[in-house]
Amino acid sequence: MDIPTHSAGDAPFALTATVSSGLPVAFNVVSGPAISSSNVVTRLGGGTVTVVA
């Protein structure tokens, strides 16, 4: 799934997903200038960010 484009300085944004099992989905930043906490991503700079679920 592609995440819509966001830029450094944009407001933090939440990621959501559902799975057929009903289990919760957690997201983590793997690389790039961003941090995530409780499935909310905050961009810290320009460039590509990779997120895994």
Protein backbone atom coordinates (compact mmCIF):
# COMPACT_ATOMS: atom_id res chain seq x y z
CA MET A 1 0.00 0.00 0.00
CA ASP A 2 1.35 3.42 -0.88
CA ILE A 3 1.05 6.17 1.70
CA PRO A 4 0.07 9.60 0.34
CA THR A 5 2.95 12.05 0.00
CA HIS A 6 3.81 14.05 3.12
CA SER A 7 6.57 16.62 3.60
CA ALA A 8 8.76 17.61 6.52
CA GLY A 9 6.83 20.15 8.55
CA ASP A 10 3.45 18.58 7.78
CA ALA A 11 1.32 17.59 10.75
CA PRO A 12 1.92 14.05 12.05
CA PHE A 13 -0.43 11.52 10.44
CA ALA A 14 -1.96 8.25 11.58
CA LEU A 15 -1.68 4.98 9.69
CA THR A 16 -4.47 2.44 9.90
CA ALA A 17 -5.04 -1.03 8.50
CA THR A 18 -7.32 -3.97 9.10
CA VAL A 19 -6.71 -7.67 8.75
CA SER A 20 -9.19 -10.50 8.42
CA SER A 21 -7.99 -12.06 11.69
CA GLY A 22 -9.09 -8.97 13.61
CA LEU A 23 -5.67 -8.65 15.27
CA PRO A 24 -4.23 -5.15 15.70
CA VAL A 25 -1.77 -3.86 13.09
CA ALA A 26 1.34 -1.98 14.22
CA PHE A 27 3.50 0.21 11.96
CA ASN A 28 7.23 0.89 12.31
CA VAL A 29 9.58 3.19 10.40
CA VAL A 30 12.36 1.03 8.92
CA SER A 31 14.36 3.78 7.25
CA GLY A 32 14.23 7.45 6.38
CA PRO A 33 13.75 10.72 8.24
CA ALA A 34 10.66 9.94 10.31
CA ILE A 35 9.62 8.51 13.65
CA SER A 36 6.50 6.59 14.61
CA SER A 37 4.70 6.15 17.89
CA SER A 38 1.33 4.47 18.37
CA ASN A 39 0.92 4.29 14.55
CA VAL A 40 1.37 8.06 14.16
CA VAL A 41 4.20 9.09 11.82
CA THR A 42 6.09 12.37 12.11
CA ARG A 43 8.31 13.43 9.19
CA LEU A 44 11.66 14.87 10.27
CA GLY A 45 13.13 15.79 6.89
CA GLY A 46 12.99 15.26 3.16
CA GLY A 47 13.52 11.93 1.46
CA THR A 48 11.94 8.53 1.22
CA VAL A 49 10.57 6.86 4.34
CA THR A 50 9.96 3.10 4.49
CA VAL A 51 7.27 1.88 6.88
CA VAL A 52 6.38 -1.76 7.61
CA ALA A 53 3.23 -3.16 9.12
